[in-house]
Amino acid sequence: MKSVILAGNAVTAEILYAYLQQDSRYKVVATVVDDAFVDSASVTEVPALGLSTLPASFSTTDVSVIMASGYNDLNRVRESMFTRIKGAGYAIETYVHPDARVYSKRTLGEGCIVLPGAV
């Protein structure tokens, strides 16, 4: 079972958390957001971390990160978080739900999310 951290703590993170709870391949151990948003976490089942405290809390070799932020401001917020997490040395996980069907000879890009029912 792979330990993962969700990058986000609002609606998108709630949805992904619900799917990951039923996926035996993953264990969500925390969420991470910009420091200013730690107190507004909506995924309350796991600790919410500020990005500045992530390295002290989890080693880059112990966890990977699933991007669970929305698409606000034309993805600029998501891109910024992705870049900072990746720059800190964390692997960004591509998540394909077991009920999704991906038929391609090409590898999905880093950080992609494919939810159930997608073809």
PDB file of N, CA and C in Angstrom:
ATOM      1  N   MET A   1       0.851  -1.176   0.000  1.00  0.00           N
ATOM      2  CA  MET A   1       0.000   0.000   0.000  1.00  0.00           C
ATOM      3  C   MET A   1       0.895   1.237   0.000  1.00  0.00           C
ATOM      4  N   LYS A   2       0.602   2.157  -0.878  1.00  0.00           N
ATOM      5  CA  LYS A   2       1.403   3.371  -1.020  1.00  0.00           C
ATOM      6  C   LYS A   2       0.802   4.492  -0.179  1.00  0.00           C
ATOM      7  N   SER A   3       1.635   5.154   0.628  1.00  0.00           N
ATOM      8  CA  SER A   3       1.196   6.304   1.417  1.00  0.00           C
ATOM      9  C   SER A   3       1.230   7.551   0.543  1.00  0.00           C
ATOM     10  N   VAL A   4       0.104   8.285   0.538  1.00  0.00           N
ATOM     11  CA  VAL A   4       0.005   9.490  -0.275  1.00  0.00           C
ATOM     12  C   VAL A   4      -0.524  10.661   0.545  1.00  0.00           C
ATOM     13  N   ILE A   5      -0.170  11.833   0.073  1.00  0.00           N
ATOM     14  CA  ILE A   5      -0.669  13.081   0.632  1.00  0.00           C
ATOM     15  C   ILE A   5      -1.473  13.765  -0.463  1.00  0.00           C
ATOM     16  N   LEU A   6      -2.636  14.285  -0.119  1.00  0.00           N
ATOM     17  CA  LEU A   6      -3.442  15.023  -1.079  1.00  0.00           C
ATOM     18  C   LEU A   6      -3.037  16.488  -1.054  1.00  0.00           C
ATOM     19  N   ALA A   7      -2.696  17.037  -2.205  1.00  0.00           N
ATOM     20  CA  ALA A   7      -2.375  18.463  -2.308  1.00  0.00           C
ATOM     21  C   ALA A   7      -3.670  19.207  -2.564  1.00  0.00           C
ATOM     22  N   GLY A   8      -4.284  19.658  -1.495  1.00  0.00           N
ATOM     23  CA  GLY A   8      -5.576  20.331  -1.526  1.00  0.00           C
ATOM     24  C   GLY A   8      -6.370  19.904  -0.307  1.00  0.00           C
ATOM     25  N   ASN A   9      -7.361  20.696   0.064  1.00  0.00           N
ATOM     26  CA  ASN A   9      -8.159  20.320   1.233  1.00  0.00           C
ATOM     27  C   ASN A   9      -9.596  20.805   1.125  1.00  0.00           C
ATOM     28  N   ALA A  10     -10.067  20.988  -0.104  1.00  0.00           N
ATOM     29  CA  ALA A  10     -11.447  21.435  -0.297  1.00  0.00           C
ATOM     30  C   ALA A  10     -12.233  20.347  -1.035  1.00  0.00           C
ATOM     31  N   VAL A  11     -13.175  20.712  -1.869  1.00  0.00           N
ATOM     32  CA  VAL A  11     -14.100  19.767  -2.487  1.00  0.00           C
ATOM     33  C   VAL A  11     -13.381  18.696  -3.312  1.00  0.00           C
ATOM     34  N   THR A  12     -12.435  19.082  -4.128  1.00  0.00           N
ATOM     35  CA  THR A  12     -11.726  18.097  -4.948  1.00  0.00           C
ATOM     36  C   THR A  12     -11.008  17.078  -4.069  1.00  0.00           C
ATOM     37  N   ALA A  13     -10.394  17.535  -3.000  1.00  0.00           N
ATOM     38  CA  ALA A  13      -9.713  16.635  -2.070  1.00  0.00           C
ATOM     39  C   ALA A  13     -10.711  15.713  -1.375  1.00  0.00           C
ATOM     40  N   GLU A  14     -11.875  16.229  -1.026  1.00  0.00           N
ATOM     41  CA  GLU A  14     -12.903  15.391  -0.406  1.00  0.00           C
ATOM     42  C   GLU A  14     -13.321  14.254  -1.333  1.00  0.00           C
ATOM     43  N   ILE A  15     -13.508  14.562  -2.604  1.00  0.00           N
ATOM     44  CA  ILE A  15     -13.909  13.555  -3.582  1.00  0.00           C
ATOM     45  C   ILE A  15     -12.814  12.499  -3.734  1.00  0.00           C
ATOM     46  N   LEU A  16     -11.585  12.941  -3.925  1.00  0.00           N
ATOM     47  CA  LEU A  16     -10.485  11.993  -4.077  1.00  0.00           C
ATOM     48  C   LEU A  16     -10.272  11.176  -2.807  1.00  0.00           C
ATOM     49  N   TYR A  17     -10.399  11.806  -1.656  1.00  0.00           N
ATOM     50  CA  TYR A  17     -10.254  11.079  -0.398  1.00  0.00           C
ATOM     51  C   TYR A  17     -11.272   9.935  -0.328  1.00  0.00           C
ATOM     52  N   ALA A  18     -12.509  10.196  -0.713  1.00  0.00           N
ATOM     53  CA  ALA A  18     -13.550   9.165  -0.675  1.00  0.00           C
ATOM     54  C   ALA A  18     -13.193   7.997  -1.596  1.00  0.00           C
ATOM     55  N   TYR A  19     -12.700   8.291  -2.783  1.00  0.00           N
ATOM     56  CA  TYR A  19     -12.294   7.210  -3.694  1.00  0.00           C
ATOM     57  C   TYR A  19     -11.090   6.449  -3.147  1.00  0.00           C
ATOM     58  N   LEU A  20     -10.116   7.163  -2.628  1.00  0.00           N
ATOM     59  CA  LEU A  20      -8.895   6.524  -2.140  1.00  0.00           C
ATOM     60  C   LEU A  20      -9.139   5.674  -0.893  1.00  0.00           C
ATOM     61  N   GLN A  21     -10.136   6.013  -0.110  1.00  0.00           N
ATOM     62  CA  GLN A  21     -10.492   5.209   1.062  1.00  0.00           C
ATOM     63  C   GLN A  21     -10.915   3.801   0.650  1.00  0.00           C
ATOM     64  N   GLN A  22     -11.440   3.665  -0.566  1.00  0.00           N
ATOM     65  CA  GLN A  22     -11.920   2.373  -1.048  1.00  0.00           C
ATOM     66  C   GLN A  22     -10.910   1.689  -1.969  1.00  0.00           C
ATOM     67  N   ASP A  23      -9.758   2.310  -2.172  1.00  0.00           N
ATOM     68  CA  ASP A  23      -8.746   1.787  -3.087  1.00  0.00           C
ATOM     69  C   ASP A  23      -7.591   1.220  -2.260  1.00  0.00           C
ATOM     70  N   SER A  24      -7.454  -0.099  -2.246  1.00  0.00           N
ATOM     71  CA  SER A  24      -6.474  -0.755  -1.385  1.00  0.00           C
ATOM     72  C   SER A  24      -5.019  -0.481  -1.783  1.00  0.00           C
ATOM     73  N   ARG A  25      -4.807   0.179  -2.901  1.00  0.00           N
ATOM     74  CA  ARG A  25      -3.441   0.501  -3.322  1.00  0.00           C
ATOM     75  C   ARG A  25      -2.858   1.699  -2.578  1.00  0.00           C
ATOM     76  N   TYR A  26      -3.736   2.497  -1.950  1.00  0.00           N
ATOM     77  CA  TYR A  26      -3.297   3.764  -1.367  1.00  0.00           C
ATOM     78  C   TYR A  26      -3.790   3.951   0.061  1.00  0.00           C
ATOM     79  N   LYS A  27      -3.001   4.694   0.807  1.00  0.00           N
ATOM     80  CA  LYS A  27      -3.403   5.141   2.140  1.00  0.00           C
ATOM     81  C   LYS A  27      -3.112   6.642   2.220  1.00  0.00           C
ATOM     82  N   VAL A  28      -4.160   7.435   2.413  1.00  0.00           N
ATOM     83  CA  VAL A  28      -3.987   8.881   2.546  1.00  0.00           C
ATOM     84  C   VAL A  28      -3.538   9.176   3.971  1.00  0.00           C
ATOM     85  N   VAL A  29      -2.383   9.839   4.107  1.00  0.00           N
ATOM     86  CA  VAL A  29      -1.837  10.114   5.435  1.00  0.00           C
ATOM     87  C   VAL A  29      -1.964  11.576   5.849  1.00  0.00           C
ATOM     88  N   ALA A  30      -2.248  12.470   4.890  1.00  0.00           N
ATOM     89  CA  ALA A  30      -2.379  13.899   5.212  1.00  0.00           C
ATOM     90  C   ALA A  30      -2.852  14.652   3.979  1.00  0.00           C
ATOM     91  N   THR A  31      -3.180  15.918   4.194  1.00  0.00           N
ATOM     92  CA  THR A  31      -3.381  16.861   3.094  1.00  0.00           C
ATOM     93  C   THR A  31      -2.342  17.958   3.255  1.00  0.00           C
ATOM     94  N   VAL A  32      -2.016  18.628   2.165  1.00  0.00           N
ATOM     95  CA  VAL A  32      -1.078  19.741   2.227  1.00  0.00           C
ATOM     96  C   VAL A  32      -1.634  20.897   1.401  1.00  0.00           C
ATOM     97  N   VAL A  33      -1.514  22.087   1.956  1.00  0.00           N
ATOM     98  CA  VAL A  33      -1.977  23.306   1.301  1.00  0.00           C
ATOM     99  C   VAL A  33      -1.015  24.433   1.649  1.00  0.00           C
ATOM    100  N   ASP A  34      -1.212  25.582   1.030  1.00  0.00           N
ATOM    101  CA  ASP A  34      -0.451  26.750   1.456  1.00  0.00           C
ATOM    102  C   ASP A  34      -0.757  27.007   2.929  1.00  0.00           C
ATOM    103  N   ASP A  35       0.231  27.470   3.654  1.00  0.00           N
ATOM    104  CA  ASP A  35       0.116  27.643   5.105  1.00  0.00           C
ATOM    105  C   ASP A  35      -1.138  28.406   5.531  1.00  0.00           C
ATOM    106  N   ALA A  36      -1.537  29.394   4.752  1.00  0.00           N
ATOM    107  CA  ALA A  36      -2.685  30.239   5.118  1.00  0.00           C
ATOM    108  C   ALA A  36      -4.008  29.478   5.108  1.00  0.00           C
ATOM    109  N   PHE A  37      -4.054  28.298   4.475  1.00  0.00           N
ATOM    110  CA  PHE A  37      -5.313  27.571   4.333  1.00  0.00           C
ATOM    111  C   PHE A  37      -5.416  26.323   5.206  1.00  0.00           C
ATOM    112  N   VAL A  38      -4.443  26.089   6.064  1.00  0.00           N
ATOM    113  CA  VAL A  38      -4.451  24.884   6.908  1.00  0.00           C
ATOM    114  C   VAL A  38      -5.700  24.808   7.770  1.00  0.00           C
ATOM    115  N   ASP A  39      -6.120  25.904   8.344  1.00  0.00           N
ATOM    116  CA  ASP A  39      -7.266  25.891   9.262  1.00  0.00           C
ATOM    117  C   ASP A  39      -8.608  25.725   8.561  1.00  0.00           C
ATOM    118  N   SER A  40      -8.635  25.820   7.239  1.00  0.00           N
ATOM    119  CA  SER A  40      -9.905  25.693   6.528  1.00  0.00           C
ATOM    120  C   SER A  40     -10.074  24.319   5.885  1.00  0.00           C
ATOM    121  N   ALA A  41      -9.329  23.347   6.359  1.00  0.00           N
ATOM    122  CA  ALA A  41      -9.363  21.999   5.780  1.00  0.00           C
ATOM    123  C   ALA A  41     -10.746  21.373   5.897  1.00  0.00           C
ATOM    124  N   SER A  42     -11.203  20.770   4.802  1.00  0.00           N
ATOM    125  CA  SER A  42     -12.493  20.083   4.854  1.00  0.00           C
ATOM    126  C   SER A  42     -12.327  18.562   4.918  1.00  0.00           C
ATOM    127  N   VAL A  43     -11.132  18.058   4.645  1.00  0.00           N
ATOM    128  CA  VAL A  43     -10.838  16.640   4.836  1.00  0.00           C
ATOM    129  C   VAL A  43     -10.286  16.523   6.255  1.00  0.00           C
ATOM    130  N   THR A  44     -11.157  16.184   7.183  1.00  0.00           N
ATOM    131  CA  THR A  44     -10.774  16.227   8.598  1.00  0.00           C
ATOM    132  C   THR A  44     -10.290  14.881   9.137  1.00  0.00           C
ATOM    133  N   GLU A  45     -10.348  13.843   8.333  1.00  0.00           N
ATOM    134  CA  GLU A  45      -9.959  12.511   8.794  1.00  0.00           C
ATOM    135  C   GLU A  45      -8.451  12.323   8.881  1.00  0.00           C
ATOM    136  N   VAL A  46      -7.686  13.196   8.239  1.00  0.00           N
ATOM    137  CA  VAL A  46      -6.224  13.136   8.258  1.00  0.00           C
ATOM    138  C   VAL A  46      -5.684  14.528   8.582  1.00  0.00           C
ATOM    139  N   PRO A  47      -4.443  14.624   9.055  1.00  0.00           N
ATOM    140  CA  PRO A  47      -3.893  15.940   9.385  1.00  0.00           C
ATOM    141  C   PRO A  47      -3.767  16.835   8.152  1.00  0.00           C
ATOM    142  N   ALA A  48      -3.989  18.120   8.359  1.00  0.00           N
ATOM    143  CA  ALA A  48      -3.764  19.123   7.317  1.00  0.00           C
ATOM    144  C   ALA A  48      -2.437  19.799   7.607  1.00  0.00           C
ATOM    145  N   LEU A  49      -1.556  19.838   6.625  1.00  0.00           N
ATOM    146  CA  LEU A  49      -0.231  20.426   6.790  1.00  0.00           C
ATOM    147  C   LEU A  49      -0.083  21.650   5.915  1.00  0.00           C
ATOM    148  N   GLY A  50       0.664  22.613   6.400  1.00  0.00           N
ATOM    149  CA  GLY A  50       1.078  23.723   5.566  1.00  0.00           C
ATOM    150  C   GLY A  50       2.271  23.281   4.745  1.00  0.00           C
ATOM    151  N   LEU A  51       2.401  23.819   3.554  1.00  0.00           N
ATOM    152  CA  LEU A  51       3.490  23.410   2.671  1.00  0.00           C
ATOM    153  C   LEU A  51       4.860  23.616   3.319  1.00  0.00           C
ATOM    154  N   SER A  52       4.989  24.634   4.145  1.00  0.00           N
ATOM    155  CA  SER A  52       6.284  24.887   4.790  1.00  0.00           C
ATOM    156  C   SER A  52       6.654  23.805   5.802  1.00  0.00           C
ATOM    157  N   THR A  53       5.671  23.076   6.321  1.00  0.00           N
ATOM    158  CA  THR A  53       5.948  22.043   7.326  1.00  0.00           C
ATOM    159  C   THR A  53       6.019  20.634   6.727  1.00  0.00           C
ATOM    160  N   LEU A  54       5.731  20.506   5.442  1.00  0.00           N
ATOM    161  CA  LEU A  54       5.717  19.179   4.809  1.00  0.00           C
ATOM    162  C   LEU A  54       7.039  18.426   4.959  1.00  0.00           C
ATOM    163  N   PRO A  55       8.190  19.031   4.654  1.00  0.00           N
ATOM    164  CA  PRO A  55       9.453  18.278   4.764  1.00  0.00           C
ATOM    165  C   PRO A  55       9.764  17.780   6.181  1.00  0.00           C
ATOM    166  N   ALA A  56       9.343  18.507   7.186  1.00  0.00           N
ATOM    167  CA  ALA A  56       9.584  18.075   8.561  1.00  0.00           C
ATOM    168  C   ALA A  56       8.619  16.964   8.981  1.00  0.00           C
ATOM    169  N   SER A  57       7.507  16.842   8.268  1.00  0.00           N
ATOM    170  CA  SER A  57       6.491  15.860   8.623  1.00  0.00           C
ATOM    171  C   SER A  57       6.620  14.540   7.874  1.00  0.00           C
ATOM    172  N   PHE A  58       7.002  14.606   6.587  1.00  0.00           N
ATOM    173  CA  PHE A  58       7.086  13.403   5.764  1.00  0.00           C
ATOM    174  C   PHE A  58       8.290  13.479   4.839  1.00  0.00           C
ATOM    175  N   SER A  59       9.047  12.406   4.804  1.00  0.00           N
ATOM    176  CA  SER A  59      10.206  12.308   3.928  1.00  0.00           C
ATOM    177  C   SER A  59       9.760  12.125   2.479  1.00  0.00           C
ATOM    178  N   THR A  60      10.553  12.610   1.553  1.00  0.00           N
ATOM    179  CA  THR A  60      10.256  12.436   0.130  1.00  0.00           C
ATOM    180  C   THR A  60      10.291  10.969  -0.286  1.00  0.00           C
ATOM    181  N   THR A  61      10.929  10.137   0.495  1.00  0.00           N
ATOM    182  CA  THR A  61      10.997   8.709   0.162  1.00  0.00           C
ATOM    183  C   THR A  61       9.847   7.904   0.756  1.00  0.00           C
ATOM    184  N   ASP A  62       9.100   8.503   1.676  1.00  0.00           N
ATOM    185  CA  ASP A  62       8.022   7.783   2.360  1.00  0.00           C
ATOM    186  C   ASP A  62       6.638   7.996   1.759  1.00  0.00           C
ATOM    187  N   VAL A  63       6.447   9.097   1.043  1.00  0.00           N
ATOM    188  CA  VAL A  63       5.127   9.437   0.504  1.00  0.00           C
ATOM    189  C   VAL A  63       5.262   9.987  -0.913  1.00  0.00           C
ATOM    190  N   SER A  64       4.161   9.917  -1.640  1.00  0.00           N
ATOM    191  CA  SER A  64       4.043  10.668  -2.885  1.00  0.00           C
ATOM    192  C   SER A  64       2.806  11.551  -2.747  1.00  0.00           C
ATOM    193  N   VAL A  65       2.611  12.432  -3.694  1.00  0.00           N
ATOM    194  CA  VAL A  65       1.541  13.421  -3.598  1.00  0.00           C
ATOM    195  C   VAL A  65       0.580  13.265  -4.768  1.00  0.00           C
ATOM    196  N   ILE A  66      -0.705  13.318  -4.460  1.00  0.00           N
ATOM    197  CA  ILE A  66      -1.747  13.344  -5.484  1.00  0.00           C
ATOM    198  C   ILE A  66      -2.331  14.750  -5.499  1.00  0.00           C
ATOM    199  N   MET A  67      -2.332  15.353  -6.671  1.00  0.00           N
ATOM    200  CA  MET A  67      -2.851  16.712  -6.804  1.00  0.00           C
ATOM    201  C   MET A  67      -4.367  16.687  -6.640  1.00  0.00           C
ATOM    202  N   ALA A  68      -4.851  17.322  -5.595  1.00  0.00           N
ATOM    203  CA  ALA A  68      -6.278  17.289  -5.273  1.00  0.00           C
ATOM    204  C   ALA A  68      -6.842  18.694  -5.139  1.00  0.00           C
ATOM    205  N   SER A  69      -6.217  19.636  -5.821  1.00  0.00           N
ATOM    206  CA  SER A  69      -6.744  20.999  -5.813  1.00  0.00           C
ATOM    207  C   SER A  69      -7.595  21.200  -7.049  1.00  0.00           C
ATOM    208  N   GLY A  70      -8.469  22.170  -6.992  1.00  0.00           N
ATOM    209  CA  GLY A  70      -9.361  22.444  -8.117  1.00  0.00           C
ATOM    210  C   GLY A  70      -8.634  23.182  -9.234  1.00  0.00           C
ATOM    211  N   TYR A  71      -9.416  23.716 -10.132  1.00  0.00           N
ATOM    212  CA  TYR A  71      -8.862  24.362 -11.322  1.00  0.00           C
ATOM    213  C   TYR A  71      -9.082  25.873 -11.297  1.00  0.00           C
ATOM    214  N   ASN A  72      -8.960  26.462 -10.113  1.00  0.00           N
ATOM    215  CA  ASN A  72      -9.166  27.899  -9.961  1.00  0.00           C
ATOM    216  C   ASN A  72      -8.143  28.697 -10.755  1.00  0.00           C
ATOM    217  N   ASP A  73      -8.550  29.860 -11.184  1.00  0.00           N
ATOM    218  CA  ASP A  73      -7.643  30.804 -11.848  1.00  0.00           C
ATOM    219  C   ASP A  73      -6.894  30.139 -13.000  1.00  0.00           C
ATOM    220  N   LEU A  74      -7.633  29.422 -13.843  1.00  0.00           N
ATOM    221  CA  LEU A  74      -7.071  28.754 -15.026  1.00  0.00           C
ATOM    222  C   LEU A  74      -5.906  27.831 -14.677  1.00  0.00           C
ATOM    223  N   ASN A  75      -6.021  27.112 -13.594  1.00  0.00           N
ATOM    224  CA  ASN A  75      -5.017  26.138 -13.144  1.00  0.00           C
ATOM    225  C   ASN A  75      -3.748  26.759 -12.566  1.00  0.00           C
ATOM    226  N   ARG A  76      -3.688  28.054 -12.408  1.00  0.00           N
ATOM    227  CA  ARG A  76      -2.466  28.682 -11.890  1.00  0.00           C
ATOM    228  C   ARG A  76      -2.158  28.253 -10.457  1.00  0.00           C
ATOM    229  N   VAL A  77      -3.182  28.140  -9.629  1.00  0.00           N
ATOM    230  CA  VAL A  77      -2.981  27.711  -8.244  1.00  0.00           C
ATOM    231  C   VAL A  77      -2.474  26.274  -8.220  1.00  0.00           C
ATOM    232  N   ARG A  78      -3.085  25.422  -8.999  1.00  0.00           N
ATOM    233  CA  ARG A  78      -2.688  24.013  -9.091  1.00  0.00           C
ATOM    234  C   ARG A  78      -1.251  23.896  -9.615  1.00  0.00           C
ATOM    235  N   GLU A  79      -0.930  24.656 -10.642  1.00  0.00           N
ATOM    236  CA  GLU A  79       0.416  24.633 -11.208  1.00  0.00           C
ATOM    237  C   GLU A  79       1.456  25.110 -10.198  1.00  0.00           C
ATOM    238  N   SER A  80       1.130  26.150  -9.474  1.00  0.00           N
ATOM    239  CA  SER A  80       2.051  26.674  -8.466  1.00  0.00           C
ATOM    240  C   SER A  80       2.324  25.639  -7.374  1.00  0.00           C
ATOM    241  N   MET A  81       1.273  24.996  -6.888  1.00  0.00           N
ATOM    242  CA  MET A  81       1.434  23.980  -5.848  1.00  0.00           C
ATOM    243  C   MET A  81       2.227  22.793  -6.392  1.00  0.00           C
ATOM    244  N   PHE A  82       1.919  22.356  -7.598  1.00  0.00           N
ATOM    245  CA  PHE A  82       2.638  21.252  -8.236  1.00  0.00           C
ATOM    246  C   PHE A  82       4.134  21.573  -8.309  1.00  0.00           C
ATOM    247  N   THR A  83       4.459  22.749  -8.783  1.00  0.00           N
ATOM    248  CA  THR A  83       5.856  23.152  -8.958  1.00  0.00           C
ATOM    249  C   THR A  83       6.598  23.200  -7.622  1.00  0.00           C
ATOM    250  N   ARG A  84       5.957  23.725  -6.595  1.00  0.00           N
ATOM    251  CA  ARG A  84       6.611  23.824  -5.289  1.00  0.00           C
ATOM    252  C   ARG A  84       6.788  22.458  -4.630  1.00  0.00           C
ATOM    253  N   ILE A  85       5.798  21.593  -4.745  1.00  0.00           N
ATOM    254  CA  ILE A  85       5.905  20.249  -4.170  1.00  0.00           C
ATOM    255  C   ILE A  85       6.976  19.446  -4.909  1.00  0.00           C
ATOM    256  N   LYS A  86       6.952  19.505  -6.214  1.00  0.00           N
ATOM    257  CA  LYS A  86       7.949  18.809  -7.026  1.00  0.00           C
ATOM    258  C   LYS A  86       9.347  19.355  -6.732  1.00  0.00           C
ATOM    259  N   GLY A  87       9.457  20.666  -6.582  1.00  0.00           N
ATOM    260  CA  GLY A  87      10.734  21.298  -6.264  1.00  0.00           C
ATOM    261  C   GLY A  87      11.279  20.894  -4.910  1.00  0.00           C
ATOM    262  N   ALA A  88      10.387  20.510  -4.006  1.00  0.00           N
ATOM    263  CA  ALA A  88      10.813  20.046  -2.678  1.00  0.00           C
ATOM    264  C   ALA A  88      11.246  18.583  -2.715  1.00  0.00           C
ATOM    265  N   GLY A  89      11.129  17.938  -3.888  1.00  0.00           N
ATOM    266  CA  GLY A  89      11.614  16.574  -4.038  1.00  0.00           C
ATOM    267  C   GLY A  89      10.576  15.475  -3.946  1.00  0.00           C
ATOM    268  N   TYR A  90       9.308  15.825  -3.863  1.00  0.00           N
ATOM    269  CA  TYR A  90       8.255  14.817  -3.738  1.00  0.00           C
ATOM    270  C   TYR A  90       7.806  14.325  -5.113  1.00  0.00           C
ATOM    271  N   ALA A  91       7.525  13.028  -5.205  1.00  0.00           N
ATOM    272  CA  ALA A  91       6.973  12.456  -6.431  1.00  0.00           C
ATOM    273  C   ALA A  91       5.503  12.825  -6.525  1.00  0.00           C
ATOM    274  N   ILE A  92       5.075  13.179  -7.718  1.00  0.00           N
ATOM    275  CA  ILE A  92       3.667  13.482  -7.963  1.00  0.00           C
ATOM    276  C   ILE A  92       3.046  12.251  -8.622  1.00  0.00           C
ATOM    277  N   GLU A  93       2.077  11.688  -7.950  1.00  0.00           N
ATOM    278  CA  GLU A  93       1.429  10.443  -8.365  1.00  0.00           C
ATOM    279  C   GLU A  93       0.377  10.711  -9.448  1.00  0.00           C
ATOM    280  N   THR A  94       0.303   9.829 -10.428  1.00  0.00           N
ATOM    281  CA  THR A  94      -0.809   9.804 -11.370  1.00  0.00           C
ATOM    282  C   THR A  94      -1.797   8.781 -10.829  1.00  0.00           C
ATOM    283  N   TYR A  95      -3.059   9.190 -10.663  1.00  0.00           N
ATOM    284  CA  TYR A  95      -4.058   8.295 -10.085  1.00  0.00           C
ATOM    285  C   TYR A  95      -5.087   7.895 -11.141  1.00  0.00           C
ATOM    286  N   VAL A  96      -5.199   6.596 -11.366  1.00  0.00           N
ATOM    287  CA  VAL A  96      -6.223   6.051 -12.242  1.00  0.00           C
ATOM    288  C   VAL A  96      -7.090   5.120 -11.400  1.00  0.00           C
ATOM    289  N   HIS A  97      -8.345   5.486 -11.229  1.00  0.00           N
ATOM    290  CA  HIS A  97      -9.273   4.669 -10.453  1.00  0.00           C
ATOM    291  C   HIS A  97      -9.430   3.297 -11.123  1.00  0.00           C
ATOM    292  N   PRO A  98      -9.570   2.232 -10.328  1.00  0.00           N
ATOM    293  CA  PRO A  98      -9.696   0.886 -10.899  1.00  0.00           C
ATOM    294  C   PRO A  98     -10.869   0.726 -11.872  1.00  0.00           C
ATOM    295  N   ASP A  99     -11.908   1.546 -11.748  1.00  0.00           N
ATOM    296  CA  ASP A  99     -13.067   1.447 -12.637  1.00  0.00           C
ATOM    297  C   ASP A  99     -12.963   2.349 -13.857  1.00  0.00           C
ATOM    298  N   ALA A 100     -11.825   3.003 -14.047  1.00  0.00           N
ATOM    299  CA  ALA A 100     -11.586   3.800 -15.255  1.00  0.00           C
ATOM    300  C   ALA A 100     -10.913   2.904 -16.286  1.00  0.00           C
ATOM    301  N   ARG A 101     -11.080   3.220 -17.532  1.00  0.00           N
ATOM    302  CA  ARG A 101     -10.463   2.445 -18.610  1.00  0.00           C
ATOM    303  C   ARG A 101      -9.582   3.365 -19.439  1.00  0.00           C
ATOM    304  N   VAL A 102      -8.298   3.084 -19.412  1.00  0.00           N
ATOM    305  CA  VAL A 102      -7.340   3.874 -20.182  1.00  0.00           C
ATOM    306  C   VAL A 102      -6.719   2.947 -21.219  1.00  0.00           C
ATOM    307  N   TYR A 103      -7.026   3.189 -22.461  1.00  0.00           N
ATOM    308  CA  TYR A 103      -6.509   2.384 -23.559  1.00  0.00           C
ATOM    309  C   TYR A 103      -5.597   3.266 -24.395  1.00  0.00           C
ATOM    310  N   SER A 104      -4.330   3.219 -24.080  1.00  0.00           N
ATOM    311  CA  SER A 104      -3.393   4.064 -24.791  1.00  0.00           C
ATOM    312  C   SER A 104      -2.004   3.467 -24.720  1.00  0.00           C
ATOM    313  N   LYS A 105      -1.253   3.669 -25.767  1.00  0.00           N
ATOM    314  CA  LYS A 105       0.146   3.262 -25.749  1.00  0.00           C
ATOM    315  C   LYS A 105       1.002   4.346 -25.119  1.00  0.00           C
ATOM    316  N   ARG A 106       0.412   5.472 -24.891  1.00  0.00           N
ATOM    317  CA  ARG A 106       1.133   6.596 -24.299  1.00  0.00           C
ATOM    318  C   ARG A 106       0.929   6.609 -22.790  1.00  0.00           C
ATOM    319  N   THR A 107       1.967   7.001 -22.082  1.00  0.00           N
ATOM    320  CA  THR A 107       1.898   7.116 -20.629  1.00  0.00           C
ATOM    321  C   THR A 107       1.132   8.381 -20.265  1.00  0.00           C
ATOM    322  N   LEU A 108       0.275   8.281 -19.260  1.00  0.00           N
ATOM    323  CA  LEU A 108      -0.411   9.479 -18.774  1.00  0.00           C
ATOM    324  C   LEU A 108       0.609  10.410 -18.140  1.00  0.00           C
ATOM    325  N   GLY A 109       0.366  11.691 -18.232  1.00  0.00           N
ATOM    326  CA  GLY A 109       1.274  12.670 -17.660  1.00  0.00           C
ATOM    327  C   GLY A 109       1.283  12.643 -16.147  1.00  0.00           C
ATOM    328  N   GLU A 110       2.344  13.155 -15.588  1.00  0.00           N
ATOM    329  CA  GLU A 110       2.524  13.220 -14.141  1.00  0.00           C
ATOM    330  C   GLU A 110       1.411  14.064 -13.522  1.00  0.00           C
ATOM    331  N   GLY A 111       0.784  13.513 -12.494  1.00  0.00           N
ATOM    332  CA  GLY A 111      -0.247  14.246 -11.778  1.00  0.00           C
ATOM    333  C   GLY A 111      -1.645  14.129 -12.348  1.00  0.00           C
ATOM    334  N   CYS A 112      -1.829  13.292 -13.368  1.00  0.00           N
ATOM    335  CA  CYS A 112      -3.169  13.109 -13.941  1.00  0.00           C
ATOM    336  C   CYS A 112      -4.072  12.392 -12.949  1.00  0.00           C
ATOM    337  N   ILE A 113      -5.347  12.699 -13.028  1.00  0.00           N
ATOM    338  CA  ILE A 113      -6.366  12.045 -12.219  1.00  0.00           C
ATOM    339  C   ILE A 113      -7.430  11.515 -13.180  1.00  0.00           C
ATOM    340  N   VAL A 114      -7.683  10.203 -13.140  1.00  0.00           N
ATOM    341  CA  VAL A 114      -8.717   9.594 -13.972  1.00  0.00           C
ATOM    342  C   VAL A 114      -9.688   8.896 -13.030  1.00  0.00           C
ATOM    343  N   LEU A 115     -10.907   9.394 -12.972  1.00  0.00           N
ATOM    344  CA  LEU A 115     -11.900   8.904 -12.019  1.00  0.00           C
ATOM    345  C   LEU A 115     -12.753   7.789 -12.605  1.00  0.00           C
ATOM    346  N   PRO A 116     -13.554   7.108 -11.771  1.00  0.00           N
ATOM    347  CA  PRO A 116     -14.326   5.955 -12.236  1.00  0.00           C
ATOM    348  C   PRO A 116     -15.280   6.321 -13.373  1.00  0.00           C
ATOM    349  N   GLY A 117     -15.416   5.375 -14.293  1.00  0.00           N
ATOM    350  CA  GLY A 117     -16.321   5.572 -15.412  1.00  0.00           C
ATOM    351  C   GLY A 117     -15.690   6.258 -16.603  1.00  0.00           C
ATOM    352  N   ALA A 118     -14.517   6.817 -16.429  1.00  0.00           N
ATOM    353  CA  ALA A 118     -13.855   7.497 -17.543  1.00  0.00           C
ATOM    354  C   ALA A 118     -13.328   6.464 -18.523  1.00  0.00           C
ATOM    355  N   VAL A 119     -13.395   6.798 -19.793  1.00  0.00           N
ATOM    356  CA  VAL A 119     -12.839   5.940 -20.826  1.00  0.00           C
ATOM    357  C   VAL A 119     -11.898   6.802 -21.656  1.00  0.00           C
TER     358      VAL A 119
END
